[in-house]
């Protein structure tokens, strides 16, 4: 029983000198988020719903792109540039449809949607190439079936890229 005027640290089971560490399994940082509830730090295991925006973005993750170069065309500068232009055109279309599925984007005016996409399209393409090229060493993966190293880029007339 606690009487007024008695300090909590003097009462049986009162204030603890050392705090307990919560026993929660840490989530791996680089992996994807689970679709179900997450563990919340502190006390007994509690569950909280995953952020709706994060789960929605995981659902609309774009599918892999393939360059599909024409095997009948000769190797050279113009066919390589044409293949890259076609690939980037398809990637921009995928990016636009992905942006439309983001909550709140469709509620913007059409001019604001166009302004946003016009200001970031190059960065989105470069980040896509960078993400696909992460596991590679000294190569750029423009698509799943179009990976060029420095020598291959020079042979295709893309040495400046």
N, C-alpha and C. Protein backbone atom coordinates (compact mmCIF):
# COMPACT_ATOMS: atom_id res chain seq x y z
N UNK A 1 0.82 -1.18 0.00
CA UNK A 1 0.00 0.00 0.00
C UNK A 1 0.87 1.24 0.00
N UNK A 2 0.48 2.19 -0.79
CA UNK A 2 1.26 3.41 -0.92
C UNK A 2 0.53 4.52 -0.18
N UNK A 3 1.23 5.09 0.77
CA UNK A 3 0.66 6.21 1.51
C UNK A 3 1.26 7.49 0.95
N UNK A 4 0.48 8.54 1.04
CA UNK A 4 1.00 9.80 0.54
C UNK A 4 2.15 10.25 1.40
N UNK A 5 3.14 10.85 0.75
CA UNK A 5 4.30 11.32 1.47
C UNK A 5 5.44 10.31 1.47
N UNK A 6 5.24 9.10 0.97
CA UNK A 6 6.27 8.09 0.93
C UNK A 6 6.85 8.05 -0.49
N UNK A 7 8.15 8.14 -0.57
CA UNK A 7 8.79 8.13 -1.90
C UNK A 7 8.66 6.76 -2.54
N UNK A 8 8.50 6.75 -3.91
CA UNK A 8 8.30 5.50 -4.62
C UNK A 8 9.49 4.56 -4.50
N UNK A 9 10.71 5.11 -4.41
CA UNK A 9 11.87 4.22 -4.32
C UNK A 9 11.99 3.59 -2.93
N UNK A 10 11.20 4.03 -1.96
CA UNK A 10 11.22 3.44 -0.62
C UNK A 10 10.14 2.37 -0.45
N UNK A 11 9.25 2.29 -1.43
CA UNK A 11 8.15 1.33 -1.35
C UNK A 11 8.59 0.03 -1.99
N UNK A 12 8.11 -1.09 -1.45
CA UNK A 12 8.44 -2.40 -1.99
C UNK A 12 7.99 -2.49 -3.46
N UNK A 13 8.93 -2.81 -4.38
CA UNK A 13 8.62 -2.89 -5.80
C UNK A 13 8.51 -1.53 -6.45
N UNK A 14 9.04 -0.52 -5.81
CA UNK A 14 8.94 0.85 -6.33
C UNK A 14 9.88 1.08 -7.51
N UNK A 15 10.46 2.26 -7.56
CA UNK A 15 11.30 2.65 -8.68
C UNK A 15 12.50 1.73 -8.79
N UNK A 16 12.78 1.24 -9.99
CA UNK A 16 13.89 0.32 -10.22
C UNK A 16 15.17 1.11 -10.48
N UNK A 17 16.27 0.59 -9.96
CA UNK A 17 17.56 1.25 -10.14
C UNK A 17 18.09 1.03 -11.56
N UNK A 18 17.93 -0.19 -12.07
CA UNK A 18 18.40 -0.53 -13.42
C UNK A 18 17.21 -0.85 -14.29
N UNK A 19 17.16 -0.23 -15.45
CA UNK A 19 16.05 -0.51 -16.37
C UNK A 19 16.36 -1.75 -17.18
N UNK A 20 15.33 -2.52 -17.47
CA UNK A 20 15.49 -3.72 -18.29
C UNK A 20 15.59 -3.34 -19.75
N UNK A 21 16.35 -4.15 -20.48
CA UNK A 21 16.42 -3.95 -21.93
C UNK A 21 15.25 -4.70 -22.57
N UNK A 22 14.59 -4.06 -23.52
CA UNK A 22 13.48 -4.78 -24.18
C UNK A 22 14.02 -5.93 -25.02
N UNK A 23 13.29 -7.03 -25.00
CA UNK A 23 13.69 -8.20 -25.78
C UNK A 23 12.88 -8.23 -27.07
N UNK A 24 13.37 -7.46 -28.06
CA UNK A 24 12.70 -7.36 -29.34
C UNK A 24 13.69 -7.78 -30.41
N UNK A 25 13.26 -8.59 -31.36
CA UNK A 25 14.13 -9.00 -32.45
C UNK A 25 14.38 -7.81 -33.36
N UNK A 26 15.65 -7.44 -33.58
CA UNK A 26 15.91 -6.32 -34.47
C UNK A 26 15.62 -6.71 -35.92
N UNK A 27 15.10 -5.75 -36.69
CA UNK A 27 14.83 -6.00 -38.10
C UNK A 27 16.09 -5.75 -38.90
N UNK A 28 16.39 -6.56 -39.89
CA UNK A 28 17.55 -6.30 -40.73
C UNK A 28 17.32 -5.03 -41.54
N UNK A 29 18.28 -4.15 -41.58
CA UNK A 29 18.12 -2.86 -42.23
C UNK A 29 17.94 -2.94 -43.73
N UNK A 30 18.83 -3.63 -44.49
CA UNK A 30 18.70 -3.54 -45.94
C UNK A 30 17.59 -4.37 -46.55
N UNK A 31 16.94 -5.23 -45.79
CA UNK A 31 15.93 -6.11 -46.38
C UNK A 31 14.61 -5.37 -46.59
N UNK A 32 13.68 -6.00 -47.28
CA UNK A 32 12.38 -5.38 -47.50
C UNK A 32 11.53 -5.42 -46.25
N UNK A 33 10.56 -4.53 -46.19
CA UNK A 33 9.67 -4.46 -45.05
C UNK A 33 8.68 -5.61 -45.11
N UNK A 34 8.34 -6.19 -43.97
CA UNK A 34 7.33 -7.25 -44.00
C UNK A 34 5.96 -6.66 -44.28
N UNK A 35 5.07 -7.47 -44.79
CA UNK A 35 3.74 -6.99 -45.13
C UNK A 35 2.83 -6.96 -43.92
N UNK A 36 3.18 -7.66 -42.87
CA UNK A 36 2.34 -7.73 -41.67
C UNK A 36 2.74 -6.73 -40.63
N UNK A 37 2.40 -6.99 -39.37
CA UNK A 37 2.72 -6.07 -38.29
C UNK A 37 4.20 -6.09 -37.95
N UNK A 38 4.68 -4.96 -37.44
CA UNK A 38 6.07 -4.83 -37.02
C UNK A 38 6.16 -4.89 -35.50
N UNK A 39 7.31 -5.30 -34.99
CA UNK A 39 7.54 -5.31 -33.55
C UNK A 39 7.84 -3.88 -33.10
N UNK A 40 7.27 -3.48 -31.99
CA UNK A 40 7.49 -2.15 -31.45
C UNK A 40 8.42 -2.30 -30.25
N UNK A 41 9.44 -1.44 -30.17
CA UNK A 41 10.42 -1.54 -29.10
C UNK A 41 9.78 -1.16 -27.77
N UNK A 42 10.19 -1.83 -26.72
CA UNK A 42 9.76 -1.51 -25.38
C UNK A 42 8.66 -2.42 -24.88
N UNK A 43 8.84 -2.95 -23.68
CA UNK A 43 7.80 -3.75 -23.04
C UNK A 43 7.53 -5.04 -23.78
N UNK A 44 6.36 -5.60 -23.55
CA UNK A 44 6.01 -6.85 -24.23
C UNK A 44 5.85 -6.60 -25.73
N UNK A 45 5.94 -7.68 -26.49
CA UNK A 45 5.82 -7.55 -27.95
C UNK A 45 4.44 -7.04 -28.31
N UNK A 46 4.45 -5.90 -28.98
CA UNK A 46 3.22 -5.31 -29.46
C UNK A 46 3.29 -5.31 -30.98
N UNK A 47 2.18 -5.15 -31.63
CA UNK A 47 2.17 -5.07 -33.08
C UNK A 47 1.56 -3.76 -33.51
N UNK A 48 2.13 -3.21 -34.57
CA UNK A 48 1.61 -1.98 -35.14
C UNK A 48 1.52 -2.19 -36.64
N UNK A 49 0.52 -1.62 -37.29
CA UNK A 49 0.41 -1.81 -38.74
C UNK A 49 1.56 -1.11 -39.46
N UNK A 50 2.00 -1.70 -40.56
CA UNK A 50 3.05 -1.10 -41.35
C UNK A 50 2.50 0.18 -41.95
N UNK A 51 3.36 1.16 -42.08
CA UNK A 51 2.96 2.42 -42.67
C UNK A 51 2.27 2.16 -44.00
N UNK A 52 1.10 2.71 -44.18
CA UNK A 52 0.29 2.45 -45.37
C UNK A 52 1.00 2.90 -46.64
N UNK A 53 1.73 4.01 -46.57
CA UNK A 53 2.43 4.50 -47.76
C UNK A 53 3.54 3.53 -48.17
N UNK A 54 4.29 3.02 -47.20
CA UNK A 54 5.37 2.08 -47.51
C UNK A 54 4.82 0.80 -48.12
N UNK A 55 3.75 0.27 -47.54
CA UNK A 55 3.19 -0.96 -48.09
C UNK A 55 2.61 -0.73 -49.48
N UNK A 56 2.04 0.44 -49.72
CA UNK A 56 1.50 0.74 -51.04
C UNK A 56 2.62 0.86 -52.07
N UNK A 57 3.74 1.48 -51.69
CA UNK A 57 4.87 1.61 -52.61
C UNK A 57 5.49 0.26 -52.94
N UNK A 58 5.50 -0.65 -51.96
CA UNK A 58 6.03 -1.98 -52.23
C UNK A 58 5.16 -2.74 -53.21
N UNK A 59 3.86 -2.50 -53.16
CA UNK A 59 2.94 -3.18 -54.08
C UNK A 59 3.14 -2.70 -55.51
N UNK A 60 3.41 -1.41 -55.68
CA UNK A 60 3.51 -0.84 -57.03
C UNK A 60 4.95 -0.77 -57.53
N UNK A 61 5.83 -1.57 -56.95
CA UNK A 61 7.22 -1.56 -57.41
C UNK A 61 7.26 -1.95 -58.89
N UNK A 62 8.00 -1.16 -59.69
CA UNK A 62 7.99 -1.43 -61.14
C UNK A 62 8.65 -2.76 -61.48
N UNK A 63 8.16 -3.35 -62.56
CA UNK A 63 8.72 -4.63 -62.99
C UNK A 63 10.01 -4.40 -63.75
N UNK A 64 10.77 -5.46 -63.97
CA UNK A 64 12.06 -5.37 -64.63
C UNK A 64 11.87 -5.00 -66.10
N UNK A 65 12.79 -4.17 -66.60
CA UNK A 65 12.76 -3.76 -67.99
C UNK A 65 13.82 -4.52 -68.78
N UNK A 66 13.49 -4.84 -70.00
CA UNK A 66 14.43 -5.50 -70.90
C UNK A 66 14.60 -4.62 -72.13
N UNK A 67 15.84 -4.48 -72.58
CA UNK A 67 16.14 -3.62 -73.72
C UNK A 67 15.62 -4.23 -75.02
N UNK A 68 15.71 -5.52 -75.16
CA UNK A 68 15.29 -6.25 -76.35
C UNK A 68 15.87 -5.64 -77.63
N UNK A 69 17.21 -5.57 -77.73
CA UNK A 69 17.80 -5.00 -78.95
C UNK A 69 17.51 -5.90 -80.15
N UNK A 70 17.43 -5.29 -81.32
CA UNK A 70 17.16 -6.03 -82.54
C UNK A 70 18.40 -6.83 -82.91
N UNK A 71 18.32 -8.18 -82.91
CA UNK A 71 19.51 -8.98 -83.21
C UNK A 71 19.95 -8.86 -84.67
N UNK A 72 19.06 -8.44 -85.55
CA UNK A 72 19.41 -8.32 -86.96
C UNK A 72 20.19 -7.04 -87.26
N UNK A 73 20.11 -6.05 -86.36
CA UNK A 73 20.81 -4.79 -86.62
C UNK A 73 22.30 -4.95 -86.34
N UNK A 74 23.14 -4.30 -87.13
CA UNK A 74 24.58 -4.41 -86.92
C UNK A 74 25.00 -3.64 -85.67
N UNK A 75 26.11 -4.07 -85.07
CA UNK A 75 26.63 -3.36 -83.91
C UNK A 75 27.17 -2.01 -84.37
N UNK A 76 26.94 -1.01 -83.58
CA UNK A 76 27.44 0.32 -83.92
C UNK A 76 26.78 1.38 -83.08
N UNK A 77 27.07 2.61 -83.42
CA UNK A 77 26.62 3.75 -82.63
C UNK A 77 25.10 3.96 -82.73
N UNK A 78 24.55 4.01 -83.93
CA UNK A 78 23.12 4.31 -84.10
C UNK A 78 22.20 3.25 -83.53
N UNK A 79 22.45 1.97 -83.77
CA UNK A 79 21.55 0.97 -83.14
C UNK A 79 21.62 0.99 -81.61
N UNK A 80 22.79 1.24 -81.04
CA UNK A 80 22.91 1.28 -79.58
C UNK A 80 22.15 2.48 -79.02
N UNK A 81 22.27 3.63 -79.66
CA UNK A 81 21.55 4.82 -79.21
C UNK A 81 20.05 4.62 -79.38
N UNK A 82 19.64 4.01 -80.49
CA UNK A 82 18.21 3.75 -80.71
C UNK A 82 17.66 2.80 -79.65
N UNK A 83 18.44 1.78 -79.31
CA UNK A 83 18.00 0.83 -78.27
C UNK A 83 17.87 1.53 -76.93
N UNK A 84 18.85 2.39 -76.58
CA UNK A 84 18.78 3.12 -75.31
C UNK A 84 17.61 4.10 -75.30
N UNK A 85 17.36 4.78 -76.40
CA UNK A 85 16.23 5.72 -76.46
C UNK A 85 14.91 4.99 -76.28
N UNK A 86 14.76 3.85 -76.94
CA UNK A 86 13.55 3.05 -76.79
C UNK A 86 13.39 2.56 -75.36
N UNK A 87 14.49 2.11 -74.77
CA UNK A 87 14.46 1.62 -73.39
C UNK A 87 14.06 2.74 -72.42
N UNK A 88 14.68 3.91 -72.57
CA UNK A 88 14.39 5.02 -71.67
C UNK A 88 12.98 5.55 -71.88
N UNK A 89 12.47 5.48 -73.12
CA UNK A 89 11.09 5.88 -73.38
C UNK A 89 10.13 4.96 -72.63
N UNK A 90 10.37 3.66 -72.67
CA UNK A 90 9.52 2.72 -71.95
C UNK A 90 9.66 2.90 -70.44
N UNK A 91 10.87 3.23 -69.98
CA UNK A 91 11.07 3.43 -68.55
C UNK A 91 10.36 4.69 -68.06
N UNK A 92 10.31 5.72 -68.88
CA UNK A 92 9.57 6.93 -68.50
C UNK A 92 8.08 6.63 -68.42
N UNK A 93 7.56 5.84 -69.34
CA UNK A 93 6.14 5.46 -69.29
C UNK A 93 5.85 4.68 -68.01
N UNK A 94 6.73 3.76 -67.65
CA UNK A 94 6.56 3.00 -66.40
C UNK A 94 6.63 3.93 -65.19
N UNK A 95 7.53 4.92 -65.24
CA UNK A 95 7.66 5.87 -64.13
C UNK A 95 6.40 6.71 -63.99
N UNK A 96 5.81 7.13 -65.09
CA UNK A 96 4.59 7.92 -65.04
C UNK A 96 3.45 7.10 -64.45
N UNK A 97 3.31 5.85 -64.89
CA UNK A 97 2.23 5.02 -64.32
C UNK A 97 2.50 4.71 -62.86
N UNK A 98 3.77 4.56 -62.47
CA UNK A 98 4.10 4.35 -61.06
C UNK A 98 3.75 5.59 -60.24
N UNK A 99 4.06 6.77 -60.78
CA UNK A 99 3.77 8.01 -60.05
C UNK A 99 2.27 8.20 -59.85
N UNK A 100 1.47 7.79 -60.83
CA UNK A 100 0.02 7.92 -60.71
C UNK A 100 -0.54 7.04 -59.60
N UNK A 101 0.16 5.97 -59.25
CA UNK A 101 -0.33 5.08 -58.20
C UNK A 101 0.10 5.53 -56.81
N UNK A 102 0.94 6.56 -56.71
CA UNK A 102 1.35 7.08 -55.40
C UNK A 102 0.21 7.89 -54.81
N UNK A 103 -0.15 7.61 -53.55
CA UNK A 103 -1.25 8.36 -52.94
C UNK A 103 -0.94 9.86 -52.93
N UNK A 104 -1.89 10.65 -53.38
CA UNK A 104 -1.74 12.10 -53.38
C UNK A 104 -1.26 12.67 -54.69
N UNK A 105 -0.59 11.89 -55.52
CA UNK A 105 -0.08 12.41 -56.78
C UNK A 105 -1.23 12.74 -57.73
N UNK A 106 -2.22 11.89 -57.79
CA UNK A 106 -3.35 12.11 -58.70
C UNK A 106 -4.20 13.29 -58.27
N UNK A 107 -4.12 13.67 -56.99
CA UNK A 107 -4.90 14.82 -56.53
C UNK A 107 -4.26 16.15 -56.92
N UNK A 108 -3.01 16.12 -57.38
CA UNK A 108 -2.37 17.34 -57.87
C UNK A 108 -3.00 17.74 -59.19
N UNK A 109 -2.88 19.02 -59.52
CA UNK A 109 -3.38 19.45 -60.83
C UNK A 109 -2.48 18.85 -61.92
N UNK A 110 -3.01 18.78 -63.13
CA UNK A 110 -2.26 18.18 -64.23
C UNK A 110 -0.96 18.95 -64.49
N UNK A 111 -1.00 20.26 -64.37
CA UNK A 111 0.22 21.05 -64.59
C UNK A 111 1.26 20.77 -63.51
N UNK A 112 0.82 20.57 -62.26
CA UNK A 112 1.75 20.23 -61.19
C UNK A 112 2.33 18.83 -61.39
N UNK A 113 1.50 17.87 -61.83
CA UNK A 113 2.00 16.53 -62.12
C UNK A 113 3.06 16.59 -63.21
N UNK A 114 2.79 17.35 -64.25
CA UNK A 114 3.76 17.48 -65.35
C UNK A 114 5.04 18.16 -64.87
N UNK A 115 4.91 19.18 -64.04
CA UNK A 115 6.10 19.87 -63.52
C UNK A 115 6.96 18.94 -62.68
N UNK A 116 6.32 18.15 -61.83
CA UNK A 116 7.08 17.22 -60.99
C UNK A 116 7.81 16.20 -61.86
N UNK A 117 7.10 15.61 -62.81
CA UNK A 117 7.73 14.59 -63.65
C UNK A 117 8.81 15.18 -64.56
N UNK A 118 8.59 16.39 -65.08
CA UNK A 118 9.59 17.01 -65.94
C UNK A 118 10.85 17.38 -65.17
N UNK A 119 10.70 17.67 -63.88
CA UNK A 119 11.88 18.08 -63.11
C UNK A 119 12.69 16.90 -62.58
N UNK A 120 12.11 15.68 -62.55
CA UNK A 120 12.83 14.56 -61.95
C UNK A 120 13.07 13.38 -62.88
N UNK A 121 12.64 13.46 -64.14
CA UNK A 121 12.73 12.27 -64.99
C UNK A 121 14.17 11.80 -65.19
N UNK A 122 15.11 12.73 -65.35
CA UNK A 122 16.50 12.32 -65.57
C UNK A 122 17.08 11.64 -64.32
N UNK A 123 16.78 12.19 -63.14
CA UNK A 123 17.28 11.59 -61.91
C UNK A 123 16.70 10.19 -61.70
N UNK A 124 15.43 10.01 -62.06
CA UNK A 124 14.81 8.69 -61.92
C UNK A 124 15.50 7.68 -62.83
N UNK A 125 15.80 8.07 -64.06
CA UNK A 125 16.49 7.16 -64.98
C UNK A 125 17.89 6.83 -64.49
N UNK A 126 18.62 7.83 -64.02
CA UNK A 126 19.99 7.60 -63.53
C UNK A 126 19.96 6.72 -62.29
N UNK A 127 19.01 6.96 -61.38
CA UNK A 127 18.92 6.12 -60.19
C UNK A 127 18.55 4.68 -60.55
N UNK A 128 17.72 4.50 -61.56
CA UNK A 128 17.39 3.15 -62.01
C UNK A 128 18.61 2.41 -62.53
N UNK A 129 19.43 3.11 -63.34
CA UNK A 129 20.66 2.49 -63.85
C UNK A 129 21.61 2.20 -62.68
N UNK A 130 21.71 3.13 -61.74
CA UNK A 130 22.59 2.92 -60.58
C UNK A 130 22.13 1.74 -59.74
N UNK A 131 20.83 1.61 -59.52
CA UNK A 131 20.32 0.50 -58.71
C UNK A 131 20.56 -0.84 -59.39
N UNK A 132 20.35 -0.90 -60.69
CA UNK A 132 20.58 -2.16 -61.41
C UNK A 132 22.06 -2.49 -61.48
N UNK A 133 22.93 -1.47 -61.39
CA UNK A 133 24.38 -1.69 -61.51
C UNK A 133 25.06 -1.96 -60.18
N UNK A 134 24.36 -1.86 -59.07
CA UNK A 134 24.98 -2.06 -57.75
C UNK A 134 25.72 -3.38 -57.62
N UNK A 135 25.16 -4.51 -58.01
CA UNK A 135 25.89 -5.77 -57.80
C UNK A 135 27.03 -5.98 -58.81
N UNK A 136 27.17 -5.11 -59.78
CA UNK A 136 28.18 -5.29 -60.82
C UNK A 136 29.44 -4.50 -60.50
N UNK A 137 30.53 -4.92 -61.09
CA UNK A 137 31.81 -4.24 -60.90
C UNK A 137 32.24 -3.64 -62.23
N UNK A 138 32.38 -2.32 -62.31
CA UNK A 138 32.84 -1.61 -63.51
C UNK A 138 31.95 -1.86 -64.72
N UNK A 139 30.66 -2.01 -64.50
CA UNK A 139 29.70 -2.19 -65.59
C UNK A 139 28.44 -1.39 -65.26
N UNK A 140 27.73 -0.99 -66.31
CA UNK A 140 26.45 -0.31 -66.14
C UNK A 140 25.36 -1.20 -66.70
N UNK A 141 24.32 -1.39 -65.91
CA UNK A 141 23.18 -2.21 -66.33
C UNK A 141 22.06 -1.27 -66.73
N UNK A 142 21.93 -1.02 -68.03
CA UNK A 142 20.84 -0.17 -68.52
C UNK A 142 19.52 -0.91 -68.46
N UNK A 143 19.56 -2.21 -68.61
CA UNK A 143 18.39 -3.07 -68.49
C UNK A 143 18.89 -4.45 -68.06
N UNK A 144 17.96 -5.36 -67.82
CA UNK A 144 18.35 -6.70 -67.39
C UNK A 144 19.18 -7.42 -68.46
N UNK A 145 18.92 -7.11 -69.72
CA UNK A 145 19.64 -7.77 -70.81
C UNK A 145 20.57 -6.83 -71.56
N UNK A 146 20.90 -5.67 -70.98
CA UNK A 146 21.82 -4.72 -71.61
C UNK A 146 22.79 -4.19 -70.56
N UNK A 147 23.90 -4.91 -70.40
CA UNK A 147 24.94 -4.54 -69.44
C UNK A 147 26.20 -4.24 -70.25
N UNK A 148 26.75 -3.04 -70.04
CA UNK A 148 27.93 -2.63 -70.80
C UNK A 148 29.06 -2.29 -69.85
N UNK A 149 30.26 -2.76 -70.21
CA UNK A 149 31.46 -2.31 -69.51
C UNK A 149 32.06 -1.18 -70.35
N UNK A 150 33.21 -0.66 -69.93
CA UNK A 150 33.81 0.48 -70.63
C UNK A 150 34.17 0.12 -72.07
N UNK A 151 34.71 -1.05 -72.28
CA UNK A 151 35.09 -1.47 -73.62
C UNK A 151 33.86 -1.67 -74.51
N UNK A 152 32.82 -2.28 -73.97
CA UNK A 152 31.59 -2.49 -74.72
C UNK A 152 30.91 -1.17 -75.07
N UNK A 153 30.97 -0.20 -74.17
CA UNK A 153 30.38 1.11 -74.45
C UNK A 153 31.14 1.82 -75.56
N UNK A 154 32.46 1.72 -75.53
CA UNK A 154 33.26 2.33 -76.61
C UNK A 154 32.97 1.65 -77.95
N UNK A 155 32.83 0.33 -77.95
CA UNK A 155 32.56 -0.39 -79.19
C UNK A 155 31.20 -0.02 -79.76
N UNK A 156 30.25 0.31 -78.87
CA UNK A 156 28.92 0.71 -79.34
C UNK A 156 28.84 2.19 -79.64
N UNK A 157 29.96 2.91 -79.48
CA UNK A 157 29.97 4.34 -79.74
C UNK A 157 29.42 5.16 -78.59
N UNK A 158 29.39 4.58 -77.39
CA UNK A 158 28.86 5.27 -76.22
C UNK A 158 29.94 5.54 -75.19
N UNK A 159 31.15 5.75 -75.63
CA UNK A 159 32.27 5.94 -74.71
C UNK A 159 32.12 7.16 -73.83
N UNK A 160 31.42 8.20 -74.32
CA UNK A 160 31.25 9.42 -73.53
C UNK A 160 30.22 9.26 -72.42
N UNK A 161 29.37 8.24 -72.53
CA UNK A 161 28.36 8.04 -71.50
C UNK A 161 29.00 7.49 -70.25
